[in-house]
């Protein structure tokens, strides 16, 4: 692992999926996708503020541009 990189664990992946999925469907949809018997189990779902989402999307676009320049795609 690179210095400063966070360890990618099952729990981190699960939290990320649950957090992102809440914008795509209902809590019941996420519950079914994550295979939880109760919605109360999903206490780690976090609301992503719109300003944070805009920032993340902007960074994602910049990284994709850089990647395309390196690989010659795009």
PDB file of N, CA and C in Angstrom:
ATOM      1  N   UNK A   1       0.842  -1.176   0.000  1.00  0.00           N
ATOM      2  CA  UNK A   1       0.000   0.000   0.000  1.00  0.00           C
ATOM      3  C   UNK A   1       0.890   1.243   0.000  1.00  0.00           C
ATOM      4  N   UNK A   2       0.462   2.263  -0.729  1.00  0.00           N
ATOM      5  CA  UNK A   2       1.226   3.495  -0.788  1.00  0.00           C
ATOM      6  C   UNK A   2       1.129   4.254   0.526  1.00  0.00           C
ATOM      7  N   UNK A   3       2.170   4.967   0.892  1.00  0.00           N
ATOM      8  CA  UNK A   3       2.125   5.771   2.115  1.00  0.00           C
ATOM      9  C   UNK A   3       0.991   6.784   2.036  1.00  0.00           C
ATOM     10  N   UNK A   4       0.229   6.889   3.096  1.00  0.00           N
ATOM     11  CA  UNK A   4      -0.863   7.847   3.154  1.00  0.00           C
ATOM     12  C   UNK A   4      -2.166   7.341   2.559  1.00  0.00           C
ATOM     13  N   UNK A   5      -2.145   6.188   1.895  1.00  0.00           N
ATOM     14  CA  UNK A   5      -3.371   5.639   1.314  1.00  0.00           C
ATOM     15  C   UNK A   5      -4.166   4.898   2.380  1.00  0.00           C
ATOM     16  N   UNK A   6      -5.457   5.109   2.368  1.00  0.00           N
ATOM     17  CA  UNK A   6      -6.324   4.436   3.332  1.00  0.00           C
ATOM     18  C   UNK A   6      -6.482   2.965   2.937  1.00  0.00           C
ATOM     19  N   UNK A   7      -6.617   2.115   3.923  1.00  0.00           N
ATOM     20  CA  UNK A   7      -6.821   0.699   3.657  1.00  0.00           C
ATOM     21  C   UNK A   7      -8.254   0.485   3.189  1.00  0.00           C
ATOM     22  N   UNK A   8      -8.432  -0.190   2.073  1.00  0.00           N
ATOM     23  CA  UNK A   8      -9.744  -0.455   1.524  1.00  0.00           C
ATOM     24  C   UNK A   8     -10.255  -1.756   2.130  1.00  0.00           C
ATOM     25  N   UNK A   9     -11.249  -1.639   2.981  1.00  0.00           N
ATOM     26  CA  UNK A   9     -11.805  -2.802   3.656  1.00  0.00           C
ATOM     27  C   UNK A   9     -13.224  -3.058   3.162  1.00  0.00           C
ATOM     28  N   UNK A  10     -13.756  -4.228   3.488  1.00  0.00           N
ATOM     29  CA  UNK A  10     -15.141  -4.535   3.147  1.00  0.00           C
ATOM     30  C   UNK A  10     -16.076  -3.509   3.759  1.00  0.00           C
ATOM     31  N   UNK A  11     -15.798  -3.113   4.994  1.00  0.00           N
ATOM     32  CA  UNK A  11     -16.648  -2.134   5.677  1.00  0.00           C
ATOM     33  C   UNK A  11     -16.626  -0.792   4.942  1.00  0.00           C
ATOM     34  N   UNK A  12     -15.466  -0.356   4.493  1.00  0.00           N
ATOM     35  CA  UNK A  12     -15.363   0.908   3.761  1.00  0.00           C
ATOM     36  C   UNK A  12     -16.135   0.841   2.447  1.00  0.00           C
ATOM     37  N   UNK A  13     -16.015  -0.279   1.748  1.00  0.00           N
ATOM     38  CA  UNK A  13     -16.739  -0.455   0.491  1.00  0.00           C
ATOM     39  C   UNK A  13     -18.236  -0.470   0.751  1.00  0.00           C
ATOM     40  N   UNK A  14     -18.666  -1.191   1.765  1.00  0.00           N
ATOM     41  CA  UNK A  14     -20.077  -1.279   2.107  1.00  0.00           C
ATOM     42  C   UNK A  14     -20.653   0.090   2.450  1.00  0.00           C
ATOM     43  N   UNK A  15     -19.937   0.849   3.245  1.00  0.00           N
ATOM     44  CA  UNK A  15     -20.405   2.200   3.611  1.00  0.00           C
ATOM     45  C   UNK A  15     -20.493   3.099   2.390  1.00  0.00           C
ATOM     46  N   UNK A  16     -19.519   2.995   1.518  1.00  0.00           N
ATOM     47  CA  UNK A  16     -19.519   3.820   0.308  1.00  0.00           C
ATOM     48  C   UNK A  16     -20.710   3.485  -0.570  1.00  0.00           C
ATOM     49  N   UNK A  17     -20.962   2.208  -0.777  1.00  0.00           N
ATOM     50  CA  UNK A  17     -22.088   1.789  -1.604  1.00  0.00           C
ATOM     51  C   UNK A  17     -23.405   2.261  -0.999  1.00  0.00           C
ATOM     52  N   UNK A  18     -23.579   2.068   0.294  1.00  0.00           N
ATOM     53  CA  UNK A  18     -24.822   2.486   0.951  1.00  0.00           C
ATOM     54  C   UNK A  18     -25.019   3.990   0.861  1.00  0.00           C
ATOM     55  N   UNK A  19     -23.952   4.746   1.059  1.00  0.00           N
ATOM     56  CA  UNK A  19     -24.045   6.200   1.011  1.00  0.00           C
ATOM     57  C   UNK A  19     -24.393   6.676  -0.399  1.00  0.00           C
ATOM     58  N   UNK A  20     -23.746   6.112  -1.412  1.00  0.00           N
ATOM     59  CA  UNK A  20     -24.027   6.512  -2.787  1.00  0.00           C
ATOM     60  C   UNK A  20     -25.396   6.031  -3.252  1.00  0.00           C
ATOM     61  N   UNK A  21     -25.812   4.859  -2.803  1.00  0.00           N
ATOM     62  CA  UNK A  21     -27.089   4.283  -3.228  1.00  0.00           C
ATOM     63  C   UNK A  21     -28.289   5.074  -2.730  1.00  0.00           C
ATOM     64  N   UNK A  22     -28.139   5.780  -1.629  1.00  0.00           N
ATOM     65  CA  UNK A  22     -29.281   6.510  -1.087  1.00  0.00           C
ATOM     66  C   UNK A  22     -29.772   7.599  -2.046  1.00  0.00           C
ATOM     67  N   UNK A  23     -28.913   8.060  -2.940  1.00  0.00           N
ATOM     68  CA  UNK A  23     -29.313   9.059  -3.933  1.00  0.00           C
ATOM     69  C   UNK A  23     -29.984   8.414  -5.145  1.00  0.00           C
ATOM     70  N   UNK A  24     -29.900   7.098  -5.244  1.00  0.00           N
ATOM     71  CA  UNK A  24     -30.420   6.400  -6.417  1.00  0.00           C
ATOM     72  C   UNK A  24     -31.769   5.724  -6.178  1.00  0.00           C
ATOM     73  N   UNK A  25     -32.159   5.576  -4.932  1.00  0.00           N
ATOM     74  CA  UNK A  25     -33.417   4.901  -4.634  1.00  0.00           C
ATOM     75  C   UNK A  25     -33.863   5.205  -3.217  1.00  0.00           C
ATOM     76  N   UNK A  26     -34.829   4.445  -2.757  1.00  0.00           N
ATOM     77  CA  UNK A  26     -35.356   4.634  -1.409  1.00  0.00           C
ATOM     78  C   UNK A  26     -34.498   3.885  -0.395  1.00  0.00           C
ATOM     79  N   UNK A  27     -34.740   4.172   0.877  1.00  0.00           N
ATOM     80  CA  UNK A  27     -34.039   3.447   1.941  1.00  0.00           C
ATOM     81  C   UNK A  27     -34.349   1.955   1.832  1.00  0.00           C
ATOM     82  N   UNK A  28     -35.572   1.614   1.477  1.00  0.00           N
ATOM     83  CA  UNK A  28     -35.941   0.196   1.312  1.00  0.00           C
ATOM     84  C   UNK A  28     -35.164  -0.432   0.155  1.00  0.00           C
ATOM     85  N   UNK A  29     -34.923   0.321  -0.911  1.00  0.00           N
ATOM     86  CA  UNK A  29     -34.128  -0.193  -2.030  1.00  0.00           C
ATOM     87  C   UNK A  29     -32.705  -0.500  -1.565  1.00  0.00           C
ATOM     88  N   UNK A  30     -32.139   0.437  -0.815  1.00  0.00           N
ATOM     89  CA  UNK A  30     -30.775   0.247  -0.307  1.00  0.00           C
ATOM     90  C   UNK A  30     -30.754  -0.947   0.650  1.00  0.00           C
ATOM     91  N   UNK A  31     -31.761  -1.046   1.495  1.00  0.00           N
ATOM     92  CA  UNK A  31     -31.845  -2.167   2.433  1.00  0.00           C
ATOM     93  C   UNK A  31     -31.821  -3.493   1.680  1.00  0.00           C
ATOM     94  N   UNK A  32     -32.591  -3.596   0.611  1.00  0.00           N
ATOM     95  CA  UNK A  32     -32.621  -4.822  -0.179  1.00  0.00           C
ATOM     96  C   UNK A  32     -31.303  -5.097  -0.874  1.00  0.00           C
ATOM     97  N   UNK A  33     -30.707  -4.044  -1.428  1.00  0.00           N
ATOM     98  CA  UNK A  33     -29.428  -4.186  -2.124  1.00  0.00           C
ATOM     99  C   UNK A  33     -28.330  -4.647  -1.176  1.00  0.00           C
ATOM    100  N   UNK A  34     -28.328  -4.080   0.029  1.00  0.00           N
ATOM    101  CA  UNK A  34     -27.302  -4.400   1.019  1.00  0.00           C
ATOM    102  C   UNK A  34     -27.638  -5.676   1.809  1.00  0.00           C
ATOM    103  N   UNK A  35     -28.847  -6.205   1.583  1.00  0.00           N
ATOM    104  CA  UNK A  35     -29.318  -7.442   2.224  1.00  0.00           C
ATOM    105  C   UNK A  35     -29.405  -7.337   3.743  1.00  0.00           C
ATOM    106  N   UNK A  36     -29.897  -6.199   4.206  1.00  0.00           N
ATOM    107  CA  UNK A  36     -30.135  -6.037   5.639  1.00  0.00           C
ATOM    108  C   UNK A  36     -31.587  -6.356   5.931  1.00  0.00           C
ATOM    109  N   UNK A  37     -31.834  -7.010   7.053  1.00  0.00           N
ATOM    110  CA  UNK A  37     -33.206  -7.360   7.402  1.00  0.00           C
ATOM    111  C   UNK A  37     -33.967  -6.163   7.958  1.00  0.00           C
ATOM    112  N   UNK A  38     -33.236  -5.184   8.508  1.00  0.00           N
ATOM    113  CA  UNK A  38     -33.878  -3.997   9.079  1.00  0.00           C
ATOM    114  C   UNK A  38     -33.157  -2.739   8.602  1.00  0.00           C
ATOM    115  N   UNK A  39     -33.919  -1.684   8.356  1.00  0.00           N
ATOM    116  CA  UNK A  39     -33.289  -0.429   7.944  1.00  0.00           C
ATOM    117  C   UNK A  39     -32.481   0.176   9.086  1.00  0.00           C
ATOM    118  N   UNK A  40     -32.827  -0.138  10.319  1.00  0.00           N
ATOM    119  CA  UNK A  40     -32.085   0.392  11.474  1.00  0.00           C
ATOM    120  C   UNK A  40     -30.627  -0.063  11.467  1.00  0.00           C
ATOM    121  N   UNK A  41     -30.332  -1.144  10.763  1.00  0.00           N
ATOM    122  CA  UNK A  41     -28.962  -1.661  10.667  1.00  0.00           C
ATOM    123  C   UNK A  41     -28.074  -0.732   9.847  1.00  0.00           C
ATOM    124  N   UNK A  42     -28.681   0.086   9.012  1.00  0.00           N
ATOM    125  CA  UNK A  42     -27.913   0.924   8.086  1.00  0.00           C
ATOM    126  C   UNK A  42     -27.612   2.300   8.679  1.00  0.00           C
ATOM    127  N   UNK A  43     -27.181   2.331   9.904  1.00  0.00           N
ATOM    128  CA  UNK A  43     -26.937   3.600  10.596  1.00  0.00           C
ATOM    129  C   UNK A  43     -25.763   4.378  10.011  1.00  0.00           C
ATOM    130  N   UNK A  44     -24.916   3.736   9.208  1.00  0.00           N
ATOM    131  CA  UNK A  44     -23.728   4.395   8.701  1.00  0.00           C
ATOM    132  C   UNK A  44     -23.957   5.129   7.385  1.00  0.00           C
ATOM    133  N   UNK A  45     -25.165   5.072   6.830  1.00  0.00           N
ATOM    134  CA  UNK A  45     -25.441   5.852   5.628  1.00  0.00           C
ATOM    135  C   UNK A  45     -25.341   7.326   5.991  1.00  0.00           C
ATOM    136  N   UNK A  46     -24.611   8.079   5.211  1.00  0.00           N
ATOM    137  CA  UNK A  46     -24.430   9.490   5.506  1.00  0.00           C
ATOM    138  C   UNK A  46     -24.948  10.336   4.353  1.00  0.00           C
ATOM    139  N   UNK A  47     -25.560  11.449   4.687  1.00  0.00           N
ATOM    140  CA  UNK A  47     -26.006  12.399   3.673  1.00  0.00           C
ATOM    141  C   UNK A  47     -24.776  13.079   3.086  1.00  0.00           C
ATOM    142  N   UNK A  48     -24.723  13.177   1.770  1.00  0.00           N
ATOM    143  CA  UNK A  48     -23.615  13.859   1.114  1.00  0.00           C
ATOM    144  C   UNK A  48     -24.128  15.246   0.720  1.00  0.00           C
ATOM    145  N   UNK A  49     -23.603  16.298   1.370  1.00  0.00           N
ATOM    146  CA  UNK A  49     -24.049  17.654   1.024  1.00  0.00           C
ATOM    147  C   UNK A  49     -23.809  17.949  -0.450  1.00  0.00           C
ATOM    148  N   UNK A  50     -24.700  18.721  -1.054  1.00  0.00           N
ATOM    149  CA  UNK A  50     -24.593  19.051  -2.479  1.00  0.00           C
ATOM    150  C   UNK A  50     -23.259  19.712  -2.804  1.00  0.00           C
ATOM    151  N   UNK A  51     -22.772  20.584  -1.912  1.00  0.00           N
ATOM    152  CA  UNK A  51     -21.502  21.271  -2.174  1.00  0.00           C
ATOM    153  C   UNK A  51     -20.344  20.274  -2.238  1.00  0.00           C
ATOM    154  N   UNK A  52     -20.389  19.249  -1.406  1.00  0.00           N
ATOM    155  CA  UNK A  52     -19.347  18.222  -1.423  1.00  0.00           C
ATOM    156  C   UNK A  52     -19.443  17.419  -2.718  1.00  0.00           C
ATOM    157  N   UNK A  53     -20.665  17.096  -3.140  1.00  0.00           N
ATOM    158  CA  UNK A  53     -20.852  16.335  -4.372  1.00  0.00           C
ATOM    159  C   UNK A  53     -20.330  17.111  -5.573  1.00  0.00           C
ATOM    160  N   UNK A  54     -20.571  18.419  -5.614  1.00  0.00           N
ATOM    161  CA  UNK A  54     -20.070  19.261  -6.703  1.00  0.00           C
ATOM    162  C   UNK A  54     -18.538  19.241  -6.718  1.00  0.00           C
ATOM    163  N   UNK A  55     -17.935  19.345  -5.553  1.00  0.00           N
ATOM    164  CA  UNK A  55     -16.470  19.329  -5.452  1.00  0.00           C
ATOM    165  C   UNK A  55     -15.905  17.987  -5.915  1.00  0.00           C
ATOM    166  N   UNK A  56     -16.493  16.901  -5.455  1.00  0.00           N
ATOM    167  CA  UNK A  56     -16.025  15.563  -5.837  1.00  0.00           C
ATOM    168  C   UNK A  56     -16.171  15.354  -7.335  1.00  0.00           C
ATOM    169  N   UNK A  57     -17.284  15.782  -7.904  1.00  0.00           N
ATOM    170  CA  UNK A  57     -17.484  15.638  -9.347  1.00  0.00           C
ATOM    171  C   UNK A  57     -16.450  16.442 -10.130  1.00  0.00           C
ATOM    172  N   UNK A  58     -16.131  17.628  -9.646  1.00  0.00           N
ATOM    173  CA  UNK A  58     -15.129  18.464 -10.303  1.00  0.00           C
ATOM    174  C   UNK A  58     -13.754  17.801 -10.268  1.00  0.00           C
ATOM    175  N   UNK A  59     -13.385  17.270  -9.125  1.00  0.00           N
ATOM    176  CA  UNK A  59     -12.102  16.570  -8.998  1.00  0.00           C
ATOM    177  C   UNK A  59     -12.075  15.343  -9.910  1.00  0.00           C
ATOM    178  N   UNK A  60     -13.183  14.620  -9.956  1.00  0.00           N
ATOM    179  CA  UNK A  60     -13.278  13.440 -10.813  1.00  0.00           C
ATOM    180  C   UNK A  60     -13.051  13.810 -12.279  1.00  0.00           C
ATOM    181  N   UNK A  61     -13.662  14.911 -12.728  1.00  0.00           N
ATOM    182  CA  UNK A  61     -13.472  15.351 -14.117  1.00  0.00           C
ATOM    183  C   UNK A  61     -12.012  15.686 -14.393  1.00  0.00           C
ATOM    184  N   UNK A  62     -11.376  16.367 -13.463  1.00  0.00           N
ATOM    185  CA  UNK A  62      -9.967  16.735 -13.643  1.00  0.00           C
ATOM    186  C   UNK A  62      -9.069  15.494 -13.702  1.00  0.00           C
ATOM    187  N   UNK A  63      -9.337  14.533 -12.817  1.00  0.00           N
ATOM    188  CA  UNK A  63      -8.538  13.309 -12.811  1.00  0.00           C
ATOM    189  C   UNK A  63      -8.730  12.529 -14.104  1.00  0.00           C
ATOM    190  N   UNK A  64      -9.947  12.495 -14.609  1.00  0.00           N
ATOM    191  CA  UNK A  64     -10.200  11.798 -15.868  1.00  0.00           C
ATOM    192  C   UNK A  64      -9.471  12.475 -17.027  1.00  0.00           C
ATOM    193  N   UNK A  65      -9.453  13.811 -17.020  1.00  0.00           N
ATOM    194  CA  UNK A  65      -8.718  14.537 -18.061  1.00  0.00           C
ATOM    195  C   UNK A  65      -7.232  14.180 -18.015  1.00  0.00           C
ATOM    196  N   UNK A  66      -6.670  14.180 -16.812  1.00  0.00           N
ATOM    197  CA  UNK A  66      -5.252  13.842 -16.655  1.00  0.00           C
ATOM    198  C   UNK A  66      -4.976  12.422 -17.121  1.00  0.00           C
ATOM    199  N   UNK A  67      -5.871  11.513 -16.763  1.00  0.00           N
ATOM    200  CA  UNK A  67      -5.723  10.113 -17.157  1.00  0.00           C
ATOM    201  C   UNK A  67      -5.782   9.949 -18.661  1.00  0.00           C
ATOM    202  N   UNK A  68      -6.700  10.679 -19.301  1.00  0.00           N
ATOM    203  CA  UNK A  68      -6.837  10.588 -20.747  1.00  0.00           C
ATOM    204  C   UNK A  68      -5.590  11.114 -21.453  1.00  0.00           C
ATOM    205  N   UNK A  69      -4.979  12.164 -20.903  1.00  0.00           N
ATOM    206  CA  UNK A  69      -3.738  12.701 -21.494  1.00  0.00           C
ATOM    207  C   UNK A  69      -2.615  11.673 -21.395  1.00  0.00           C
ATOM    208  N   UNK A  70      -2.542  10.985 -20.270  1.00  0.00           N
ATOM    209  CA  UNK A  70      -1.482  10.002 -20.055  1.00  0.00           C
ATOM    210  C   UNK A  70      -1.672   8.794 -20.975  1.00  0.00           C
ATOM    211  N   UNK A  71      -2.917   8.313 -21.074  1.00  0.00           N
ATOM    212  CA  UNK A  71      -3.167   7.105 -21.861  1.00  0.00           C
ATOM    213  C   UNK A  71      -3.399   7.386 -23.345  1.00  0.00           C
ATOM    214  N   UNK A  72      -3.587   8.692 -23.673  1.00  0.00           N
ATOM    215  CA  UNK A  72      -3.813   9.047 -25.069  1.00  0.00           C
ATOM    216  C   UNK A  72      -5.233   8.822 -25.522  1.00  0.00           C
ATOM    217  N   UNK A  73      -6.137   8.528 -24.580  1.00  0.00           N
ATOM    218  CA  UNK A  73      -7.554   8.343 -24.907  1.00  0.00           C
ATOM    219  C   UNK A  73      -8.278   9.672 -24.755  1.00  0.00           C
ATOM    220  N   UNK A  74      -9.356   9.834 -25.532  1.00  0.00           N
ATOM    221  CA  UNK A  74     -10.201  11.008 -25.362  1.00  0.00           C
ATOM    222  C   UNK A  74      -9.974  12.053 -26.289  1.00  0.00           C
TER     223      UNK A  74
END
